[in-house]
Amino acid sequence: MRSITRAGLRAIGLLAATGALCAAATVPAMADEPGTTWQPELSEGTGNGVVVSPDGARFDRSTAFGAPADEGDTESSADPAEVVPTGLLTLAPRTLDTPTREVDSRLVADTPPGSTASVDVRGKRAGGGWTEWIPAQDSRTELPEAVTEVQGRLVLTATGAADPTVRELTLTATPGSGAESEPVTEAAPRSYSVFATREGLVGGTTANGHKIVNRDRFVALPSRRALSANGKTDYSVKVCAPNGRCAIAPVWDIGPWNTKDDYWNPSNQREMWKDLPQGVPQAAAARNGHNGGKDQFGRRVANPAGIDLGDGIFWDVLGLKDNSQVQVDYLWTGSQRLSAIRTEGTPDIQILARPEAGAESVGIAVDATEVPVQCTSGAFVRIGDGQYLPATAFTGLPGDVPACDAAAPPAPSPAAPDASAAPSTPGTPEAPGTPATPPAPDTSAAPAVPDASAAAGSSPAPAPAVPTAPSGATPSAPAPSSSTPSAPSAPSAATGPGAGAPAAGGAMAGTPSPGSTTTTTPATGVPTGDNQAARVTPGSAQRAPSGTS
């Protein structure tokens, strides 16, 4: 990242006072670099862990979340990774006259010892969705495809007594050598079977600044590359339980366990853990000895979770009574057409089993999320196999959506996973934990009674994790298990490094019903990192907050 620090500015001023030729040092030579150059207005940015004043964008440790240090080989080290309080400020997007795949980032910033300032960049695809956030490397960000709209995000960190401040950001988009990306065959988003835990943490703050409320409806994934801004739904998932119920919800937090584990991406594109197969969360592999059985913070991994579910999703929508294997479609990763829904003042809309009014509900879609559009059936739109929404719920539909009874090409398949494989290492079962049993779901929010298969121990372990078409088909039921609370996210910045370390046993954080009874069911095995047939494992710990309340 190219930047001009406070010390650099003082040196430049001294040179100017002596008549030195310092203009080239103080002003980037934009005339020599073709492309579109602009300076985003910092005061228009939104985020968590950063406050904007006339002096610039300053790090705010009171609302920052915990993340690992950007430098250091934490993948191969058995020592705990350094935990760094981190703030994010999402800036206004910029529409370009010509497509680009490369963006240069230059900062004017005060970065005292122990602090950093850097930039993430993303671009809007031809189909309307955003690429993931890509961290700038040596001032340059290479986007996965040509785009005509670009957006930047400041990333500020601090471990010392003084806080960093960004005075100015300059972005330059280099024109691509050819036209915008070639049209691609419509492909479904990547879809994997992963282990889900309950987030809890009612009253806490997520990594994007959202204040968690009772029965909240969002999810957490262990990478900031797919973190939506507070109140936004740019990155959403469809998560389906073994009982057939599904939820489409935004990604508003980072976790569980890791914060740089974009496991849904090909191995060579993952930010960390490039030695693991695509679709395998590092937490699952750690249960079999990967990284010494620890996450990137050096904490002993107590369950194989790859996604955290807000309490409303976990209990009320999916009807889960215990941590479970689920099928997750990462909706932004495909090229299927997506259309946004509006619920007219309600937090979500029911997904129906048939294209008719009064049909039973099989799940929900959270307001403003963009859902897959397959075809129309009368006054309804099919968004998956046996999943329909009323056409009136959409803000707008593409003009060429076919009728469901019309002849159609075969359903698109997700991109094949990266063929690379990680070495398998054995795991060792631990003593069973005894977490609290969750309260009964809110019946007003769950129109359909969950299938009994959602309960732990109702069926054999699921099949190995391979991508499957995100048609709403139900994943395999969870394996016999002990009830385990959610895995921890990054430690809270307020408590500093090492906070949020797992503590075996105990009730789940944010459990709204006190006095719950506890049950103990010995775990029968530990999942392998390769097949993701993850079983609930004992010794799980209370999930630490992503931020401060």
Protein backbone atom coordinates (compact mmCIF):
# COMPACT_ATOMS: atom_id res chain seq x y z
CA MET A 1 0.00 0.00 0.00
CA ARG A 2 1.47 3.32 -1.04
CA SER A 3 0.94 5.99 1.57
CA ILE A 4 2.34 9.28 2.73
CA THR A 5 2.68 9.25 6.51
CA ARG A 6 2.95 12.14 8.93
CA ALA A 7 6.72 11.72 9.13
CA GLY A 8 6.89 11.72 5.36
CA LEU A 9 4.94 14.96 5.14
CA ARG A 10 7.31 16.66 7.60
CA ALA A 11 10.30 15.60 5.53
CA ILE A 12 8.67 16.88 2.38
CA GLY A 13 8.02 20.23 4.04
CA LEU A 14 11.70 20.57 5.00
CA LEU A 15 12.77 19.84 1.45
CA ALA A 16 10.35 22.43 0.13
CA ALA A 17 11.71 25.01 2.56
CA THR A 18 15.22 24.48 1.19
CA GLY A 19 14.04 24.72 -2.40
CA ALA A 20 14.40 21.05 -3.19
CA LEU A 21 12.50 19.61 -6.08
CA CYS A 22 9.96 17.68 -4.09
CA ALA A 23 6.78 18.09 -6.12
CA ALA A 24 7.05 14.58 -7.49
CA ALA A 25 7.38 13.23 -3.95
CA THR A 26 4.32 15.02 -2.60
CA VAL A 27 1.91 14.60 -5.50
CA PRO A 28 1.36 11.25 -7.19
CA ALA A 29 2.26 11.41 -10.86
CA MET A 30 -1.25 10.75 -12.05
CA ALA A 31 -0.56 12.30 -15.46
CA ASP A 32 1.78 9.41 -16.23
CA GLU A 33 -0.81 6.79 -15.30
CA PRO A 34 -3.78 6.45 -17.65
CA GLY A 35 -7.15 5.75 -16.11
CA THR A 36 -9.84 7.28 -13.96
CA THR A 37 -8.63 8.88 -10.73
CA TRP A 38 -10.82 10.05 -7.85
CA GLN A 39 -10.75 10.73 -4.12
CA PRO A 40 -13.73 9.23 -2.25
CA GLU A 41 -15.31 11.55 0.31
CA LEU A 42 -14.44 10.06 3.70
CA SER A 43 -17.36 11.78 5.41
CA GLU A 44 -19.78 9.79 3.26
CA GLY A 45 -18.39 6.44 4.42
CA THR A 46 -20.14 4.08 6.80
CA GLY A 47 -18.80 1.32 9.00
CA ASN A 48 -17.67 0.14 12.41
CA GLY A 49 -14.47 0.95 14.28
CA VAL A 50 -13.89 4.23 12.40
CA VAL A 51 -15.13 7.76 13.09
CA VAL A 52 -14.89 10.60 10.58
CA SER A 53 -14.09 14.19 11.55
CA PRO A 54 -12.76 17.22 9.64
CA ASP A 55 -9.27 15.81 10.29
CA GLY A 56 -10.04 12.55 8.48
CA ALA A 57 -11.11 8.98 9.23
CA ARG A 58 -9.81 8.00 12.68
CA PHE A 59 -9.68 4.54 14.20
CA ASP A 60 -12.23 4.05 17.00
CA ARG A 61 -11.18 1.20 19.29
CA SER A 62 -14.44 1.34 21.26
CA THR A 63 -16.38 -0.07 18.29
CA ALA A 64 -13.61 -2.05 16.58
CA PHE A 65 -13.67 -5.83 16.30
CA GLY A 66 -10.85 -8.31 16.79
CA ALA A 67 -8.93 -9.59 13.75
CA PRO A 68 -5.55 -11.26 13.24
CA ALA A 69 -2.41 -9.40 12.24
CA ASP A 70 -1.94 -9.17 8.48
CA GLU A 71 1.68 -10.26 8.69
CA GLY A 72 3.21 -13.41 10.08
CA ASP A 73 2.92 -17.07 9.19
CA THR A 74 0.04 -18.00 11.47
CA GLU A 75 -0.90 -20.97 9.29
CA SER A 76 2.20 -22.94 10.16
CA SER A 77 2.82 -21.58 13.65
CA ALA A 78 1.54 -23.31 16.76
CA ASP A 79 1.71 -20.00 18.64
CA PRO A 80 -1.40 -17.81 18.92
CA ALA A 81 -1.77 -15.25 16.16
CA GLU A 82 -1.62 -11.64 17.23
CA VAL A 83 -5.12 -10.26 17.62
CA VAL A 84 -5.50 -6.72 16.30
CA PRO A 85 -8.52 -4.42 16.86
CA THR A 86 -9.83 -3.56 13.37
CA GLY A 87 -12.15 -0.90 11.96
CA LEU A 88 -13.83 -0.77 8.53
CA LEU A 89 -15.14 2.28 6.62
CA THR A 90 -17.04 1.56 3.39
CA LEU A 91 -16.83 4.44 0.91
CA ALA A 92 -19.12 5.54 -1.90
CA PRO A 93 -18.87 3.60 -5.18
CA ARG A 94 -17.60 5.12 -8.43
CA THR A 95 -18.99 4.43 -11.91
CA LEU A 96 -16.33 4.27 -14.63
CA ASP A 97 -16.46 5.15 -18.32
CA THR A 98 -14.34 2.14 -19.28
CA PRO A 99 -14.05 -1.32 -17.69
CA THR A 100 -11.17 -2.08 -15.35
CA ARG A 101 -9.65 -5.04 -13.54
CA GLU A 102 -6.90 -3.18 -11.70
CA VAL A 103 -7.21 -0.40 -9.11
CA ASP A 104 -4.33 1.54 -7.52
CA SER A 105 -4.79 2.79 -3.92
CA ARG A 106 -2.80 5.64 -2.37
CA LEU A 107 -3.28 6.90 1.18
CA VAL A 108 -2.26 10.01 3.07
CA ALA A 109 -2.37 8.72 6.63
CA ASP A 110 -0.97 9.06 10.14
CA THR A 111 0.06 5.57 11.23
CA PRO A 112 1.75 5.64 14.66
CA PRO A 113 3.78 2.61 15.76
CA GLY A 114 1.54 -0.42 16.18
CA SER A 115 -1.09 0.80 13.69
CA THR A 116 -1.88 0.27 10.00
CA ALA A 117 -4.10 1.73 7.30
CA SER A 118 -4.97 -0.22 4.16
CA VAL A 119 -7.66 -0.56 1.50
CA ASP A 120 -10.02 -3.27 0.26
CA VAL A 121 -11.54 -2.90 -3.22
CA ARG A 122 -14.45 -4.56 -4.97
CA GLY A 123 -16.25 -4.16 -8.30
CA LYS A 124 -19.80 -4.60 -9.54
CA ARG A 125 -20.28 -7.47 -11.97
CA ALA A 126 -22.13 -7.20 -15.27
CA GLY A 127 -25.00 -9.16 -13.72
CA GLY A 128 -25.43 -6.58 -10.96
CA GLY A 129 -23.77 -8.29 -7.99
CA TRP A 130 -20.49 -7.33 -6.32
CA THR A 131 -17.25 -9.23 -6.35
CA GLU A 132 -15.85 -10.00 -2.92
CA TRP A 133 -13.69 -7.40 -1.18
CA ILE A 134 -10.06 -7.87 -2.28
CA PRO A 135 -7.26 -6.45 -0.08
CA ALA A 136 -4.78 -4.23 -1.94
CA GLN A 137 -1.30 -5.73 -2.31
CA ASP A 138 1.57 -3.27 -2.85
CA SER A 139 -1.01 -0.57 -3.62
CA ARG A 140 -2.69 -2.65 -6.35
CA THR A 141 -5.92 -4.63 -6.36
CA GLU A 142 -6.61 -7.09 -9.16
CA LEU A 143 -10.31 -7.84 -9.52
CA PRO A 144 -11.50 -11.25 -10.72
CA GLU A 145 -13.25 -9.76 -13.76
CA ALA A 146 -13.65 -6.49 -15.64
CA VAL A 147 -16.08 -4.09 -13.97
CA THR A 148 -17.45 -0.60 -14.58
CA GLU A 149 -18.22 0.29 -10.95
CA VAL A 150 -15.61 0.25 -8.17
CA GLN A 151 -15.81 0.74 -4.41
CA GLY A 152 -13.15 1.13 -1.74
CA ARG A 153 -13.13 0.28 1.97
CA LEU A 154 -10.65 1.54 4.55
CA VAL A 155 -9.20 -1.00 6.99
CA LEU A 156 -7.62 0.53 10.11
CA THR A 157 -5.88 -1.42 12.88
CA ALA A 158 -4.15 -0.47 16.13
CA THR A 159 -2.35 -2.29 18.91
CA GLY A 160 -0.43 0.64 20.39
CA ALA A 161 -1.59 3.61 22.43
CA ALA A 162 -2.07 5.92 19.42
CA ASP A 163 -4.71 5.51 16.73
CA PRO A 164 -4.23 5.75 12.95
CA THR A 165 -5.99 8.44 10.90
CA VAL A 166 -6.51 8.51 7.14
CA ARG A 167 -6.44 12.04 5.73
CA GLU A 168 -7.02 11.20 2.10
CA LEU A 169 -7.50 8.26 -0.24
CA THR A 170 -6.84 8.36 -3.98
CA LEU A 171 -8.01 5.54 -6.24
CA THR A 172 -6.99 5.06 -9.88
CA ALA A 173 -8.73 2.52 -12.11
CA THR A 174 -6.56 1.33 -15.00
CA PRO A 175 -8.55 0.71 -18.22
CA GLY A 176 -8.69 -2.92 -19.25
CA SER A 177 -7.06 -4.08 -22.46
CA GLY A 178 -10.35 -5.23 -23.91
CA ALA A 179 -14.07 -4.94 -23.49
CA GLU A 180 -15.97 -5.86 -20.37
CA SER A 181 -16.02 -9.50 -19.35
CA GLU A 182 -17.38 -11.93 -21.91
CA PRO A 183 -20.90 -13.16 -21.20
CA VAL A 184 -20.70 -16.38 -19.21
CA THR A 185 -22.98 -19.36 -19.04
CA GLU A 186 -25.40 -19.03 -16.16
CA ALA A 187 -24.01 -20.96 -13.21
CA ALA A 188 -25.43 -21.62 -9.79
CA PRO A 189 -23.62 -20.27 -6.72
CA ARG A 190 -21.18 -22.45 -4.85
CA SER A 191 -22.90 -24.70 -2.35
CA TYR A 192 -21.38 -26.71 0.49
CA SER A 193 -22.52 -28.79 3.42
CA VAL A 194 -20.98 -27.25 6.55
CA PHE A 195 -21.52 -27.36 10.29
CA ALA A 196 -23.64 -24.55 11.77
CA THR A 197 -23.68 -23.13 15.29
CA ARG A 198 -25.89 -20.55 16.98
CA GLU A 199 -24.52 -17.03 17.37
CA GLY A 200 -26.46 -15.75 20.38
CA LEU A 201 -24.78 -12.60 21.79
CA VAL A 202 -28.03 -10.61 22.08
CA GLY A 203 -27.12 -6.99 22.82
CA GLY A 204 -23.64 -7.33 21.31
CA THR A 205 -22.34 -5.71 18.15
CA THR A 206 -21.35 -7.50 14.96
CA ALA A 207 -18.28 -6.74 12.83
CA ASN A 208 -20.33 -4.44 10.58
CA GLY A 209 -21.80 -2.47 13.50
CA HIS A 210 -25.20 -4.19 13.70
CA LYS A 211 -26.64 -4.33 17.22
CA ILE A 212 -27.85 -7.88 17.81
CA VAL A 213 -31.49 -8.10 18.90
CA ASN A 214 -33.53 -10.97 20.27
CA ARG A 215 -34.34 -13.62 17.64
CA ASP A 216 -32.12 -11.84 15.09
CA ARG A 217 -31.94 -12.98 11.47
CA PHE A 218 -28.47 -12.85 9.94
CA VAL A 219 -25.44 -15.12 9.56
CA ALA A 220 -21.68 -14.92 10.14
CA LEU A 221 -18.97 -16.28 7.84
CA PRO A 222 -15.28 -16.47 8.78
CA SER A 223 -13.95 -13.87 6.30
CA ARG A 224 -14.37 -10.11 5.91
CA ARG A 225 -14.26 -10.58 2.14
CA ALA A 226 -17.99 -11.36 2.20
CA LEU A 227 -19.13 -8.99 4.96
CA SER A 228 -22.12 -6.82 4.07
CA ALA A 229 -22.28 -3.28 5.40
CA ASN A 230 -24.70 -2.66 8.29
CA GLY A 231 -28.25 -2.85 6.95
CA LYS A 232 -27.08 -4.01 3.51
CA THR A 233 -27.46 -7.41 1.87
CA ASP A 234 -24.73 -7.44 -0.79
CA TYR A 235 -23.53 -10.80 0.50
CA SER A 236 -26.28 -13.23 1.44
CA VAL A 237 -26.63 -16.99 1.76
CA LYS A 238 -29.37 -19.55 1.47
CA VAL A 239 -28.99 -22.00 4.34
CA CYS A 240 -31.15 -25.15 4.49
CA ALA A 241 -31.58 -27.47 7.44
CA PRO A 242 -31.98 -31.26 7.23
CA ASN A 243 -35.73 -30.84 7.81
CA GLY A 244 -36.13 -28.99 4.49
CA ARG A 245 -36.61 -25.49 5.92
CA CYS A 246 -34.44 -22.73 4.41
CA ALA A 247 -33.53 -19.12 5.12
CA ILE A 248 -32.07 -16.47 2.84
CA ALA A 249 -30.21 -14.02 5.08
CA PRO A 250 -27.39 -11.44 4.91
CA VAL A 251 -23.82 -11.88 6.16
CA TRP A 252 -23.45 -9.32 8.97
CA ASP A 253 -20.69 -10.77 11.15
CA ILE A 254 -17.28 -12.44 10.90
CA GLY A 255 -16.77 -15.89 12.40
CA PRO A 256 -16.98 -18.56 13.71
CA TRP A 257 -13.41 -19.21 14.86
CA ASN A 258 -11.46 -17.64 11.99
CA THR A 259 -11.68 -14.28 10.24
CA LYS A 260 -9.65 -14.97 7.07
CA ASP A 261 -11.12 -18.30 6.02
CA ASP A 262 -13.04 -17.80 2.77
CA TYR A 263 -13.30 -21.56 2.40
CA TRP A 264 -15.94 -21.37 -0.38
CA ASN A 265 -13.27 -20.00 -2.77
CA PRO A 266 -10.77 -22.17 -4.70
CA SER A 267 -7.76 -23.11 -2.60
CA ASN A 268 -5.35 -20.86 -4.48
CA GLN A 269 -7.65 -17.86 -3.94
CA ARG A 270 -8.23 -18.35 -0.20
CA GLU A 271 -6.82 -15.60 1.96
CA MET A 272 -5.49 -18.20 4.41
CA TRP A 273 -5.30 -21.99 4.60
CA LYS A 274 -4.47 -22.47 0.92
CA ASP A 275 -3.46 -26.05 1.75
CA LEU A 276 -7.09 -27.04 2.41
CA PRO A 277 -9.60 -28.22 -0.22
CA GLN A 278 -12.24 -25.79 -1.41
CA GLY A 279 -15.40 -26.06 0.68
CA VAL A 280 -13.67 -27.25 3.86
CA PRO A 281 -13.68 -24.70 6.73
CA GLN A 282 -10.39 -24.63 8.60
CA ALA A 283 -12.25 -25.28 11.85
CA ALA A 284 -13.38 -28.63 10.45
CA ALA A 285 -9.85 -29.54 9.39
CA ALA A 286 -8.48 -28.40 12.76
CA ARG A 287 -10.61 -31.06 14.46
CA ASN A 288 -8.33 -33.53 12.67
CA GLY A 289 -5.07 -31.86 13.57
CA HIS A 290 -4.71 -29.14 10.94
CA ASN A 291 -2.65 -26.24 12.35
CA GLY A 292 -2.12 -28.26 15.49
CA GLY A 293 -5.88 -28.39 16.10
CA LYS A 294 -6.03 -24.59 16.49
CA ASP A 295 -7.65 -21.69 14.68
CA GLN A 296 -5.72 -18.69 13.37
CA PHE A 297 -5.79 -17.10 16.84
CA GLY A 298 -4.10 -20.14 18.35
CA ARG A 299 -7.25 -21.27 20.16
CA ARG A 300 -8.07 -24.96 20.42
CA VAL A 301 -10.96 -25.60 18.00
CA ALA A 302 -13.84 -27.27 19.83
CA ASN A 303 -16.27 -27.76 16.95
CA PRO A 304 -16.03 -27.76 13.13
CA ALA A 305 -18.32 -24.77 12.49
CA GLY A 306 -18.19 -22.98 9.13
CA ILE A 307 -21.18 -20.67 9.69
CA ASP A 308 -22.94 -19.01 12.63
CA LEU A 309 -26.69 -18.43 12.57
CA GLY A 310 -28.58 -15.66 14.32
CA ASP A 311 -30.99 -16.99 16.93
CA GLY A 312 -34.07 -16.24 14.82
CA ILE A 313 -32.64 -18.19 11.89
CA PHE A 314 -31.46 -21.06 14.09
CA TRP A 315 -34.56 -21.55 16.25
CA ASP A 316 -37.53 -19.92 14.58
CA VAL A 317 -36.89 -20.36 10.84
CA LEU A 318 -34.88 -23.57 10.56
CA GLY A 319 -36.35 -25.12 13.69
CA LEU A 320 -32.98 -26.38 14.91
CA LYS A 321 -32.67 -27.61 18.46
CA ASP A 322 -28.95 -28.32 18.30
CA ASN A 323 -25.93 -27.41 16.22
CA SER A 324 -26.28 -29.14 12.88
CA GLN A 325 -24.91 -29.84 9.44
CA VAL A 326 -26.61 -27.51 6.92
CA GLN A 327 -26.42 -26.84 3.18
CA VAL A 328 -25.24 -23.32 2.35
CA ASP A 329 -25.48 -21.55 -1.02
CA TYR A 330 -23.12 -18.55 -1.20
CA LEU A 331 -25.41 -16.52 -3.44
CA TRP A 332 -22.91 -13.89 -4.64
CA THR A 333 -20.57 -16.53 -6.12
CA GLY A 334 -22.81 -17.62 -9.01
CA SER A 335 -23.96 -15.99 -12.22
CA GLN A 336 -27.64 -16.80 -11.82
CA ARG A 337 -29.94 -13.84 -12.07
CA LEU A 338 -30.78 -12.40 -8.65
CA SER A 339 -33.61 -10.02 -7.83
CA ALA A 340 -34.14 -8.03 -4.63
CA ILE A 341 -37.26 -8.43 -2.52
CA ARG A 342 -39.12 -5.86 -0.44
CA THR A 343 -41.34 -6.93 2.43
CA GLU A 344 -43.28 -3.68 2.97
CA GLY A 345 -42.34 -3.07 6.58
CA THR A 346 -41.93 -6.65 7.80
CA PRO A 347 -38.49 -8.15 8.49
CA ASP A 348 -38.91 -11.04 6.05
CA ILE A 349 -41.27 -12.89 3.73
CA GLN A 350 -42.38 -16.51 3.81
CA ILE A 351 -41.07 -18.93 1.18
CA LEU A 352 -43.94 -21.18 0.08
CA ALA A 353 -43.86 -24.84 -0.88
CA ARG A 354 -46.22 -24.34 -3.86
CA PRO A 355 -47.16 -21.45 -6.16
CA GLU A 356 -50.45 -20.73 -4.47
CA ALA A 357 -51.73 -18.49 -1.71
CA GLY A 358 -52.00 -20.28 1.60
CA ALA A 359 -49.36 -22.90 0.80
CA GLU A 360 -47.28 -24.05 3.74
CA SER A 361 -44.13 -22.12 4.54
CA VAL A 362 -40.76 -23.80 4.01
CA GLY A 363 -38.65 -20.88 5.17
CA ILE A 364 -38.10 -17.12 4.88
CA ALA A 365 -36.16 -14.53 2.89
CA VAL A 366 -34.97 -11.50 4.85
CA ASP A 367 -36.04 -8.09 3.56
CA ALA A 368 -33.84 -6.59 0.80
CA THR A 369 -31.92 -9.81 0.11
CA GLU A 370 -31.43 -10.75 -3.53
CA VAL A 371 -32.78 -14.19 -4.31
CA PRO A 372 -32.30 -16.53 -7.31
CA VAL A 373 -35.01 -16.18 -9.96
CA GLN A 374 -35.64 -19.38 -11.91
CA CYS A 375 -39.05 -19.04 -13.51
CA THR A 376 -42.60 -17.77 -13.00
CA SER A 377 -45.71 -19.77 -12.20
CA GLY A 378 -48.76 -17.55 -12.40
CA ALA A 379 -48.42 -14.86 -9.73
CA PHE A 380 -45.43 -16.59 -8.13
CA VAL A 381 -41.70 -16.88 -8.79
CA ARG A 382 -39.77 -20.08 -8.22
CA ILE A 383 -36.48 -19.50 -6.39
CA GLY A 384 -35.59 -23.17 -5.81
CA ASP A 385 -37.07 -26.65 -5.98
CA GLY A 386 -40.34 -26.46 -4.07
CA GLN A 387 -39.64 -22.82 -3.09
CA TYR A 388 -41.81 -19.92 -4.29
CA LEU A 389 -42.30 -16.23 -3.55
CA PRO A 390 -45.15 -13.98 -4.73
CA ALA A 391 -44.09 -11.85 -7.71
CA THR A 392 -45.33 -8.78 -5.84
CA ALA A 393 -42.51 -9.27 -3.31
CA PHE A 394 -39.88 -8.29 -5.88
CA THR A 395 -38.76 -4.73 -6.58
CA GLY A 396 -38.32 -5.71 -10.20
CA LEU A 397 -37.94 -8.86 -12.28
CA PRO A 398 -35.91 -9.40 -15.47
CA GLY A 399 -38.07 -9.22 -18.55
CA ASP A 400 -36.99 -12.60 -19.88
CA VAL A 401 -37.86 -14.82 -16.92
CA PRO A 402 -39.38 -17.98 -18.45
CA ALA A 403 -42.55 -19.67 -17.32
CA CYS A 404 -41.92 -22.69 -15.11
CA ASP A 405 -43.88 -25.01 -17.42
CA ALA A 406 -41.87 -23.92 -20.47
CA ALA A 407 -39.05 -26.06 -21.76
CA ALA A 408 -35.85 -25.02 -20.04
CA PRO A 409 -32.20 -26.06 -20.19
CA PRO A 410 -30.83 -28.22 -17.38
CA ALA A 411 -30.34 -26.47 -14.06
CA PRO A 412 -26.93 -24.84 -13.74
CA SER A 413 -24.35 -26.51 -11.57
CA PRO A 414 -21.98 -24.82 -9.15
CA ALA A 415 -18.37 -24.34 -10.14
CA ALA A 416 -16.27 -27.41 -9.53
CA PRO A 417 -14.19 -27.21 -6.38
CA ASP A 418 -10.45 -26.77 -6.47
CA ALA A 419 -8.87 -30.15 -6.96
CA SER A 420 -6.13 -29.60 -4.45
CA ALA A 421 -6.38 -31.62 -1.27
CA ALA A 422 -4.98 -31.19 2.17
CA PRO A 423 -3.24 -33.98 4.03
CA SER A 424 -5.52 -35.72 6.47
CA THR A 425 -4.58 -35.85 10.10
CA PRO A 426 -6.39 -37.75 12.80
CA GLY A 427 -8.48 -36.08 15.43
CA THR A 428 -8.97 -37.16 19.00
CA PRO A 429 -12.39 -37.04 20.71
CA GLU A 430 -12.65 -35.12 23.94
CA ALA A 431 -14.94 -35.37 26.92
CA PRO A 432 -18.56 -34.47 26.16
CA GLY A 433 -19.81 -30.97 26.97
CA THR A 434 -23.12 -30.15 28.59
CA PRO A 435 -24.51 -26.91 27.15
CA ALA A 436 -27.97 -25.60 27.82
CA THR A 437 -30.95 -26.70 25.79
CA PRO A 438 -32.32 -23.77 23.72
CA PRO A 439 -35.81 -22.47 24.39
CA ALA A 440 -38.71 -23.35 22.16
CA PRO A 441 -38.90 -21.38 18.90
CA ASP A 442 -41.14 -18.34 18.64
CA THR A 443 -44.21 -19.86 17.04
CA SER A 444 -45.34 -16.56 15.59
CA ALA A 445 -42.21 -16.48 13.46
CA ALA A 446 -42.24 -20.12 12.44
CA PRO A 447 -45.39 -20.94 10.51
CA ALA A 448 -44.42 -24.55 9.90
CA VAL A 449 -43.54 -27.02 12.62
CA PRO A 450 -39.97 -28.24 12.06
CA ASP A 451 -39.42 -31.82 11.05
CA ALA A 452 -38.22 -33.95 13.90
CA SER A 453 -35.08 -34.72 11.91
CA ALA A 454 -33.70 -31.37 13.02
CA ALA A 455 -33.09 -32.76 16.48
CA ALA A 456 -29.65 -34.10 17.24
CA GLY A 457 -29.17 -37.82 16.97
CA SER A 458 -32.10 -38.44 14.64
CA SER A 459 -30.19 -39.80 11.66
CA PRO A 460 -26.78 -40.92 10.45
CA ALA A 461 -23.92 -38.60 9.61
CA PRO A 462 -24.20 -36.58 6.38
CA ALA A 463 -22.45 -37.36 3.16
CA PRO A 464 -19.11 -35.83 2.26
CA ALA A 465 -19.13 -32.15 1.39
CA VAL A 466 -19.21 -31.69 -2.34
CA PRO A 467 -20.84 -28.78 -4.15
CA THR A 468 -24.48 -29.42 -4.94
CA ALA A 469 -26.97 -27.48 -6.95
CA PRO A 470 -28.61 -24.84 -4.75
CA SER A 471 -32.12 -25.86 -5.63
CA GLY A 472 -33.34 -26.02 -2.07
CA ALA A 473 -32.80 -29.74 -1.76
CA THR A 474 -32.30 -30.67 1.82
CA PRO A 475 -28.87 -31.67 3.06
CA SER A 476 -28.22 -34.81 4.96
CA ALA A 477 -29.36 -34.90 8.54
CA PRO A 478 -26.88 -34.23 11.30
CA ALA A 479 -24.99 -36.98 13.00
CA PRO A 480 -25.69 -38.07 16.55
CA SER A 481 -24.27 -35.41 18.76
CA SER A 482 -24.03 -33.69 22.05
CA SER A 483 -25.53 -30.24 22.28
CA THR A 484 -22.74 -27.74 21.78
CA PRO A 485 -22.82 -23.98 21.84
CA SER A 486 -21.53 -21.78 19.08
CA ALA A 487 -17.90 -21.45 18.11
CA PRO A 488 -16.17 -18.20 18.94
CA SER A 489 -15.60 -15.41 16.48
CA ALA A 490 -12.70 -13.05 16.64
CA PRO A 491 -12.05 -11.73 20.15
CA SER A 492 -13.57 -8.41 21.05
CA ALA A 493 -11.29 -5.46 20.52
CA ALA A 494 -12.32 -4.15 23.91
CA THR A 495 -10.71 -7.06 25.68
CA GLY A 496 -7.53 -7.21 23.65
CA PRO A 497 -5.49 -10.15 22.43
CA GLY A 498 -6.45 -13.55 23.67
CA ALA A 499 -10.00 -12.57 24.60
CA GLY A 500 -12.78 -14.91 23.70
CA ALA A 501 -10.78 -18.09 24.10
CA PRO A 502 -13.02 -21.15 24.29
CA ALA A 503 -14.09 -22.36 27.74
CA ALA A 504 -15.50 -25.88 27.68
CA GLY A 505 -19.11 -26.39 28.61
CA GLY A 506 -21.48 -23.65 29.75
CA ALA A 507 -24.67 -22.26 28.30
CA MET A 508 -24.76 -20.66 24.90
CA ALA A 509 -24.25 -16.91 24.85
CA GLY A 510 -27.42 -14.94 24.43
CA THR A 511 -29.77 -17.73 25.47
CA PRO A 512 -33.06 -15.90 26.11
CA SER A 513 -34.60 -18.49 28.40
CA PRO A 514 -32.93 -18.87 31.80
CA GLY A 515 -33.19 -22.06 33.78
CA SER A 516 -32.90 -24.33 30.75
CA THR A 517 -32.03 -27.92 31.49
CA THR A 518 -28.91 -29.58 30.19
CA THR A 519 -28.45 -32.84 28.39
CA THR A 520 -25.36 -34.83 27.63
CA THR A 521 -24.98 -37.17 24.69
CA PRO A 522 -21.49 -38.52 24.06
CA ALA A 523 -20.12 -37.68 20.65
CA THR A 524 -19.41 -40.72 18.51
CA GLY A 525 -16.55 -39.36 16.45
CA VAL A 526 -14.71 -36.42 15.00
CA PRO A 527 -15.19 -35.18 11.40
CA THR A 528 -12.43 -35.40 8.86
CA GLY A 529 -11.31 -32.21 7.18
CA ASP A 530 -11.63 -33.75 3.74
CA ASN A 531 -15.21 -34.98 3.75
CA GLN A 532 -16.88 -32.39 6.00
CA ALA A 533 -19.20 -35.03 7.42
CA ALA A 534 -18.95 -32.97 10.56
CA ARG A 535 -20.46 -34.29 13.74
CA VAL A 536 -21.15 -32.23 16.80
CA THR A 537 -18.02 -32.59 18.86
CA PRO A 538 -17.63 -32.22 22.62
CA GLY A 539 -15.84 -29.47 24.45
CA SER A 540 -17.36 -26.66 22.41
CA ALA A 541 -17.04 -23.21 23.85
CA GLN A 542 -19.05 -20.07 24.24
CA ARG A 543 -18.76 -17.81 21.21
CA ALA A 544 -16.98 -14.53 21.87
CA PRO A 545 -18.47 -11.23 20.68
CA SER A 546 -17.31 -9.76 17.39
CA GLY A 547 -17.39 -6.27 18.80
CA THR A 548 -18.47 -4.32 21.83
CA SER A 549 -21.97 -3.62 22.97
